[in-house]
């Protein structure tokens, strides 16, 4: 398996945050009959402007969960559109113990996404260690067989665009790695019941760091 921790950005095109959002929106529904794979590795991000995350960052845990639930209708509509176009959506979330406050929050949102139809599994960090001899795996998204994004974040954990790759072999490598890890991972619902459902709200002074 090629070392995806050393993706050569010179082989792709660097997209700003707005360019990435426009590019993704333009391509996401054009892969009819294909699959999209998402690999999430980092244990902490920030998502200012997303109401549920904003409430989480303020320490308003019950409000954050309620606002996450408000996303259900939109997610159901999105998953229905994917089903109409026969687009399969897969996501692998890598987790380390103990769970960071961010990840505790995100796993509630991911459970909701799974309930709405996204196929999500969780892998322990030890399961990906053999692929990380040169550093942590990157955050990756594929769209069909034609597009791979290495999603970029700034030092604070805020989304900062992406590098888009179009070489079929790179897209295939990312798909192969993510799907291989996915096959050995735990379902979202099982992991949530076992490790998340009974956790107390995270401590406020640890929420955004």
C-alpha atoms as a PDB file:
ATOM      1  CA  UNK A   1       0.000   0.000   0.000  1.00  0.00           C
ATOM      2  CA  UNK A   2       1.473   3.401  -0.974  1.00  0.00           C
ATOM      3  CA  UNK A   3       2.275   5.796   1.874  1.00  0.00           C
ATOM      4  CA  UNK A   4      -0.657   8.221   1.872  1.00  0.00           C
ATOM      5  CA  UNK A   5       0.944  10.198   4.701  1.00  0.00           C
ATOM      6  CA  UNK A   6       3.297  11.528   2.028  1.00  0.00           C
ATOM      7  CA  UNK A   7       0.891  12.671  -0.668  1.00  0.00           C
ATOM      8  CA  UNK A   8       2.793  14.953  -3.031  1.00  0.00           C
ATOM      9  CA  UNK A   9       0.776  18.151  -3.170  1.00  0.00           C
ATOM     10  CA  UNK A  10       2.553  19.152  -6.376  1.00  0.00           C
ATOM     11  CA  UNK A  11       0.520  16.418  -8.099  1.00  0.00           C
ATOM     12  CA  UNK A  12      -2.714  18.169  -7.163  1.00  0.00           C
ATOM     13  CA  UNK A  13      -4.290  21.605  -7.097  1.00  0.00           C
ATOM     14  CA  UNK A  14      -4.490  23.650  -3.880  1.00  0.00           C
ATOM     15  CA  UNK A  15      -7.981  25.020  -3.349  1.00  0.00           C
ATOM     16  CA  UNK A  16      -8.890  27.783  -0.936  1.00  0.00           C
ATOM     17  CA  UNK A  17     -11.754  27.207   1.478  1.00  0.00           C
ATOM     18  CA  UNK A  18     -14.340  28.788  -0.834  1.00  0.00           C
ATOM     19  CA  UNK A  19     -12.857  27.086  -3.901  1.00  0.00           C
ATOM     20  CA  UNK A  20     -13.036  23.737  -2.141  1.00  0.00           C
ATOM     21  CA  UNK A  21     -16.651  24.252  -1.125  1.00  0.00           C
ATOM     22  CA  UNK A  22     -17.646  25.284  -4.653  1.00  0.00           C
ATOM     23  CA  UNK A  23     -15.687  22.445  -6.232  1.00  0.00           C
ATOM     24  CA  UNK A  24     -17.149  19.817  -3.904  1.00  0.00           C
ATOM     25  CA  UNK A  25     -20.715  21.050  -4.447  1.00  0.00           C
ATOM     26  CA  UNK A  26     -20.199  20.978  -8.209  1.00  0.00           C
ATOM     27  CA  UNK A  27     -18.898  17.403  -8.181  1.00  0.00           C
ATOM     28  CA  UNK A  28     -20.706  15.604  -5.362  1.00  0.00           C
ATOM     29  CA  UNK A  29     -23.822  14.635  -7.330  1.00  0.00           C
ATOM     30  CA  UNK A  30     -22.001  13.814 -10.589  1.00  0.00           C
ATOM     31  CA  UNK A  31     -20.799  10.358  -9.467  1.00  0.00           C
ATOM     32  CA  UNK A  32     -24.037   8.487 -10.090  1.00  0.00           C
ATOM     33  CA  UNK A  33     -23.657   4.780  -9.375  1.00  0.00           C
ATOM     34  CA  UNK A  34     -20.297   5.285  -7.615  1.00  0.00           C
ATOM     35  CA  UNK A  35     -19.131   5.732  -4.018  1.00  0.00           C
ATOM     36  CA  UNK A  36     -17.667   8.459  -1.834  1.00  0.00           C
ATOM     37  CA  UNK A  37     -15.217   7.539   0.925  1.00  0.00           C
ATOM     38  CA  UNK A  38     -14.261   9.816   3.820  1.00  0.00           C
ATOM     39  CA  UNK A  39     -11.386   9.204   6.236  1.00  0.00           C
ATOM     40  CA  UNK A  40     -11.253  11.334   9.394  1.00  0.00           C
ATOM     41  CA  UNK A  41      -8.090  11.049  11.489  1.00  0.00           C
ATOM     42  CA  UNK A  42      -7.536  14.180  13.601  1.00  0.00           C
ATOM     43  CA  UNK A  43      -9.024  14.168  17.077  1.00  0.00           C
ATOM     44  CA  UNK A  44      -9.827  17.874  17.256  1.00  0.00           C
ATOM     45  CA  UNK A  45     -11.350  20.379  14.851  1.00  0.00           C
ATOM     46  CA  UNK A  46     -13.204  23.647  15.265  1.00  0.00           C
ATOM     47  CA  UNK A  47     -16.362  24.421  13.289  1.00  0.00           C
ATOM     48  CA  UNK A  48     -17.366  28.035  13.995  1.00  0.00           C
ATOM     49  CA  UNK A  49     -20.619  29.011  12.346  1.00  0.00           C
ATOM     50  CA  UNK A  50     -22.172  25.569  12.750  1.00  0.00           C
ATOM     51  CA  UNK A  51     -24.852  26.143  15.429  1.00  0.00           C
ATOM     52  CA  UNK A  52     -24.399  22.845  17.248  1.00  0.00           C
ATOM     53  CA  UNK A  53     -20.619  23.279  17.470  1.00  0.00           C
ATOM     54  CA  UNK A  54     -20.997  26.898  18.570  1.00  0.00           C
ATOM     55  CA  UNK A  55     -23.218  25.759  21.451  1.00  0.00           C
ATOM     56  CA  UNK A  56     -20.756  22.981  22.299  1.00  0.00           C
ATOM     57  CA  UNK A  57     -17.898  25.513  22.377  1.00  0.00           C
ATOM     58  CA  UNK A  58     -19.903  27.706  24.767  1.00  0.00           C
ATOM     59  CA  UNK A  59     -20.343  24.737  27.097  1.00  0.00           C
ATOM     60  CA  UNK A  60     -24.067  24.383  26.343  1.00  0.00           C
ATOM     61  CA  UNK A  61     -24.107  20.617  25.928  1.00  0.00           C
ATOM     62  CA  UNK A  62     -27.858  19.972  25.851  1.00  0.00           C
ATOM     63  CA  UNK A  63     -28.341  22.825  23.379  1.00  0.00           C
ATOM     64  CA  UNK A  64     -25.558  21.451  21.191  1.00  0.00           C
ATOM     65  CA  UNK A  65     -27.258  18.044  21.037  1.00  0.00           C
ATOM     66  CA  UNK A  66     -30.647  19.603  20.317  1.00  0.00           C
ATOM     67  CA  UNK A  67     -29.197  21.690  17.492  1.00  0.00           C
ATOM     68  CA  UNK A  68     -27.484  18.618  16.077  1.00  0.00           C
ATOM     69  CA  UNK A  69     -30.864  16.873  15.999  1.00  0.00           C
ATOM     70  CA  UNK A  70     -32.209  19.839  14.015  1.00  0.00           C
ATOM     71  CA  UNK A  71     -29.961  18.671  11.159  1.00  0.00           C
ATOM     72  CA  UNK A  72     -31.951  15.437  10.749  1.00  0.00           C
ATOM     73  CA  UNK A  73     -34.376  16.627   8.070  1.00  0.00           C
ATOM     74  CA  UNK A  74     -31.588  18.103   5.942  1.00  0.00           C
ATOM     75  CA  UNK A  75     -29.534  14.932   6.307  1.00  0.00           C
ATOM     76  CA  UNK A  76     -32.477  12.715   5.383  1.00  0.00           C
ATOM     77  CA  UNK A  77     -33.068  14.793   2.243  1.00  0.00           C
ATOM     78  CA  UNK A  78     -29.373  14.592   1.337  1.00  0.00           C
ATOM     79  CA  UNK A  79     -29.239  10.819   1.852  1.00  0.00           C
ATOM     80  CA  UNK A  80     -32.425  10.402  -0.190  1.00  0.00           C
ATOM     81  CA  UNK A  81     -30.814  12.309  -3.060  1.00  0.00           C
ATOM     82  CA  UNK A  82     -27.764  10.058  -2.822  1.00  0.00           C
ATOM     83  CA  UNK A  83     -30.017   6.992  -2.921  1.00  0.00           C
ATOM     84  CA  UNK A  84     -31.825   8.300  -6.007  1.00  0.00           C
ATOM     85  CA  UNK A  85     -28.485   8.683  -7.744  1.00  0.00           C
ATOM     86  CA  UNK A  86     -27.230   5.332  -6.400  1.00  0.00           C
ATOM     87  CA  UNK A  87     -24.306   7.067  -4.661  1.00  0.00           C
ATOM     88  CA  UNK A  88     -22.970   5.110  -1.689  1.00  0.00           C
ATOM     89  CA  UNK A  89     -21.566   7.181   1.170  1.00  0.00           C
ATOM     90  CA  UNK A  90     -18.937   5.660   3.456  1.00  0.00           C
ATOM     91  CA  UNK A  91     -17.050   7.252   6.338  1.00  0.00           C
ATOM     92  CA  UNK A  92     -14.306   5.873   8.582  1.00  0.00           C
ATOM     93  CA  UNK A  93     -13.720   7.732  11.851  1.00  0.00           C
ATOM     94  CA  UNK A  94     -10.430   6.989  13.634  1.00  0.00           C
ATOM     95  CA  UNK A  95     -10.597   7.432  17.412  1.00  0.00           C
ATOM     96  CA  UNK A  96      -8.030   7.553  20.195  1.00  0.00           C
ATOM     97  CA  UNK A  97      -8.743   6.979  23.863  1.00  0.00           C
ATOM     98  CA  UNK A  98      -9.584   8.885  25.919  1.00  0.00           C
ATOM     99  CA  UNK A  99     -12.011  10.650  23.618  1.00  0.00           C
ATOM    100  CA  UNK A 100     -11.367  14.360  23.164  1.00  0.00           C
ATOM    101  CA  UNK A 101     -14.303  16.678  23.973  1.00  0.00           C
ATOM    102  CA  UNK A 102     -14.570  17.513  20.270  1.00  0.00           C
ATOM    103  CA  UNK A 103     -14.769  13.875  19.317  1.00  0.00           C
ATOM    104  CA  UNK A 104     -17.392  13.183  21.975  1.00  0.00           C
ATOM    105  CA  UNK A 105     -19.514  15.915  20.375  1.00  0.00           C
ATOM    106  CA  UNK A 106     -18.810  14.814  16.808  1.00  0.00           C
ATOM    107  CA  UNK A 107     -19.742  11.210  17.518  1.00  0.00           C
ATOM    108  CA  UNK A 108     -23.253  12.337  18.409  1.00  0.00           C
ATOM    109  CA  UNK A 109     -23.469  14.030  15.020  1.00  0.00           C
ATOM    110  CA  UNK A 110     -21.998  11.018  13.249  1.00  0.00           C
ATOM    111  CA  UNK A 111     -24.524   8.746  14.928  1.00  0.00           C
ATOM    112  CA  UNK A 112     -27.253  10.994  13.524  1.00  0.00           C
ATOM    113  CA  UNK A 113     -25.694  10.803  10.057  1.00  0.00           C
ATOM    114  CA  UNK A 114     -25.603   7.011  10.328  1.00  0.00           C
ATOM    115  CA  UNK A 115     -29.267   6.912  11.355  1.00  0.00           C
ATOM    116  CA  UNK A 116     -30.062   8.935   8.231  1.00  0.00           C
ATOM    117  CA  UNK A 117     -28.281   6.502   5.928  1.00  0.00           C
ATOM    118  CA  UNK A 118     -24.551   7.213   5.790  1.00  0.00           C
ATOM    119  CA  UNK A 119     -22.496   4.040   6.299  1.00  0.00           C
ATOM    120  CA  UNK A 120     -20.115   4.987   9.134  1.00  0.00           C
ATOM    121  CA  UNK A 121     -17.666   2.865  11.095  1.00  0.00           C
ATOM    122  CA  UNK A 122     -15.145   3.594  13.822  1.00  0.00           C
ATOM    123  CA  UNK A 123     -11.545   2.340  13.958  1.00  0.00           C
ATOM    124  CA  UNK A 124      -9.235   2.461  16.952  1.00  0.00           C
ATOM    125  CA  UNK A 125      -6.008   4.409  16.367  1.00  0.00           C
ATOM    126  CA  UNK A 126      -4.041   1.187  16.892  1.00  0.00           C
ATOM    127  CA  UNK A 127      -5.733  -0.271  13.817  1.00  0.00           C
ATOM    128  CA  UNK A 128      -4.221   2.424  11.570  1.00  0.00           C
ATOM    129  CA  UNK A 129      -0.771   2.560  13.211  1.00  0.00           C
ATOM    130  CA  UNK A 130       0.837   0.340  10.590  1.00  0.00           C
ATOM    131  CA  UNK A 131      -0.030   2.956   7.941  1.00  0.00           C
ATOM    132  CA  UNK A 132       1.384   5.845   9.958  1.00  0.00           C
ATOM    133  CA  UNK A 133       5.109   5.152  10.144  1.00  0.00           C
ATOM    134  CA  UNK A 134       5.764   8.476   8.401  1.00  0.00           C
ATOM    135  CA  UNK A 135       3.135  10.448  10.310  1.00  0.00           C
ATOM    136  CA  UNK A 136      -0.627  10.590  10.867  1.00  0.00           C
ATOM    137  CA  UNK A 137      -2.923   9.688   8.020  1.00  0.00           C
ATOM    138  CA  UNK A 138      -4.365  12.736   6.262  1.00  0.00           C
ATOM    139  CA  UNK A 139      -8.023  13.719   6.147  1.00  0.00           C
ATOM    140  CA  UNK A 140      -9.269  12.304   2.838  1.00  0.00           C
ATOM    141  CA  UNK A 141     -12.431  12.428   0.736  1.00  0.00           C
ATOM    142  CA  UNK A 142     -12.995  10.636  -2.560  1.00  0.00           C
ATOM    143  CA  UNK A 143     -15.742  11.225  -5.100  1.00  0.00           C
ATOM    144  CA  UNK A 144     -16.081   8.213  -7.352  1.00  0.00           C
ATOM    145  CA  UNK A 145     -12.986   7.106  -9.206  1.00  0.00           C
ATOM    146  CA  UNK A 146     -12.054  10.580 -10.434  1.00  0.00           C
ATOM    147  CA  UNK A 147     -11.506  12.890  -7.463  1.00  0.00           C
ATOM    148  CA  UNK A 148      -9.520  12.795  -4.232  1.00  0.00           C
ATOM    149  CA  UNK A 149      -9.317  15.660  -1.757  1.00  0.00           C
ATOM    150  CA  UNK A 150      -6.751  15.954   0.997  1.00  0.00           C
ATOM    151  CA  UNK A 151      -8.710  18.213   3.277  1.00  0.00           C
ATOM    152  CA  UNK A 152      -6.604  20.923   4.916  1.00  0.00           C
ATOM    153  CA  UNK A 153      -6.944  22.523   8.350  1.00  0.00           C
ATOM    154  CA  UNK A 154      -5.098  25.393   9.961  1.00  0.00           C
ATOM    155  CA  UNK A 155      -3.242  25.177  13.276  1.00  0.00           C
ATOM    156  CA  UNK A 156      -6.416  25.846  15.266  1.00  0.00           C
ATOM    157  CA  UNK A 157      -8.266  22.976  13.569  1.00  0.00           C
ATOM    158  CA  UNK A 158     -10.409  25.146  11.279  1.00  0.00           C
ATOM    159  CA  UNK A 159     -11.136  23.982   7.730  1.00  0.00           C
ATOM    160  CA  UNK A 160      -8.697  25.633   5.312  1.00  0.00           C
ATOM    161  CA  UNK A 161      -9.547  24.247   1.882  1.00  0.00           C
ATOM    162  CA  UNK A 162      -8.098  21.177   0.225  1.00  0.00           C
ATOM    163  CA  UNK A 163      -5.682  19.783  -2.319  1.00  0.00           C
ATOM    164  CA  UNK A 164      -7.559  18.117  -5.189  1.00  0.00           C
ATOM    165  CA  UNK A 165      -6.010  15.154  -6.963  1.00  0.00           C
ATOM    166  CA  UNK A 166      -7.360  13.652 -10.183  1.00  0.00           C
ATOM    167  CA  UNK A 167      -4.833  10.886 -10.918  1.00  0.00           C
ATOM    168  CA  UNK A 168      -6.847   7.637 -10.966  1.00  0.00           C
ATOM    169  CA  UNK A 169      -4.117   5.714  -9.143  1.00  0.00           C
ATOM    170  CA  UNK A 170      -4.148   8.149  -6.199  1.00  0.00           C
ATOM    171  CA  UNK A 171      -7.939   8.000  -5.950  1.00  0.00           C
ATOM    172  CA  UNK A 172      -7.743   4.194  -6.082  1.00  0.00           C
ATOM    173  CA  UNK A 173      -5.050   4.090  -3.371  1.00  0.00           C
ATOM    174  CA  UNK A 174      -7.133   6.250  -1.017  1.00  0.00           C
ATOM    175  CA  UNK A 175     -10.244   4.199  -1.709  1.00  0.00           C
ATOM    176  CA  UNK A 176      -8.399   0.925  -1.154  1.00  0.00           C
ATOM    177  CA  UNK A 177      -6.881   2.040   2.146  1.00  0.00           C
ATOM    178  CA  UNK A 178     -10.094   3.488   3.558  1.00  0.00           C
ATOM    179  CA  UNK A 179     -12.211   0.522   2.493  1.00  0.00           C
ATOM    180  CA  UNK A 180      -9.685  -1.941   3.937  1.00  0.00           C
ATOM    181  CA  UNK A 181      -9.764  -0.208   7.326  1.00  0.00           C
ATOM    182  CA  UNK A 182     -13.530   0.112   7.077  1.00  0.00           C
ATOM    183  CA  UNK A 183     -14.013  -3.635   6.703  1.00  0.00           C
ATOM    184  CA  UNK A 184     -12.315  -4.264  10.046  1.00  0.00           C
ATOM    185  CA  UNK A 185     -13.957  -1.372  11.927  1.00  0.00           C
ATOM    186  CA  UNK A 186     -16.890  -1.228  14.351  1.00  0.00           C
ATOM    187  CA  UNK A 187     -20.293   0.050  13.303  1.00  0.00           C
ATOM    188  CA  UNK A 188     -21.182   3.551  14.434  1.00  0.00           C
ATOM    189  CA  UNK A 189     -24.182   2.386  16.456  1.00  0.00           C
ATOM    190  CA  UNK A 190     -22.212  -0.312  18.260  1.00  0.00           C
ATOM    191  CA  UNK A 191     -19.358   2.031  19.146  1.00  0.00           C
ATOM    192  CA  UNK A 192     -21.723   4.766  20.263  1.00  0.00           C
ATOM    193  CA  UNK A 193     -23.620   2.474  22.612  1.00  0.00           C
ATOM    194  CA  UNK A 194     -20.414   1.015  24.013  1.00  0.00           C
ATOM    195  CA  UNK A 195     -18.258   4.133  24.442  1.00  0.00           C
ATOM    196  CA  UNK A 196     -20.271   7.342  24.065  1.00  0.00           C
ATOM    197  CA  UNK A 197     -23.886   7.024  25.170  1.00  0.00           C
ATOM    198  CA  UNK A 198     -23.165   7.005  28.912  1.00  0.00           C
ATOM    199  CA  UNK A 199     -20.439   9.648  29.023  1.00  0.00           C
ATOM    200  CA  UNK A 200     -21.102  12.785  31.081  1.00  0.00           C
ATOM    201  CA  UNK A 201     -20.908  16.140  29.250  1.00  0.00           C
ATOM    202  CA  UNK A 202     -17.298  17.198  28.627  1.00  0.00           C
ATOM    203  CA  UNK A 203     -15.728  19.710  30.991  1.00  0.00           C
ATOM    204  CA  UNK A 204     -16.286  23.243  29.732  1.00  0.00           C
ATOM    205  CA  UNK A 205     -12.673  24.359  30.109  1.00  0.00           C
ATOM    206  CA  UNK A 206     -11.547  21.523  27.808  1.00  0.00           C
ATOM    207  CA  UNK A 207     -14.060  22.008  25.026  1.00  0.00           C
ATOM    208  CA  UNK A 208     -12.089  23.807  22.327  1.00  0.00           C
ATOM    209  CA  UNK A 209      -8.528  22.678  22.977  1.00  0.00           C
END
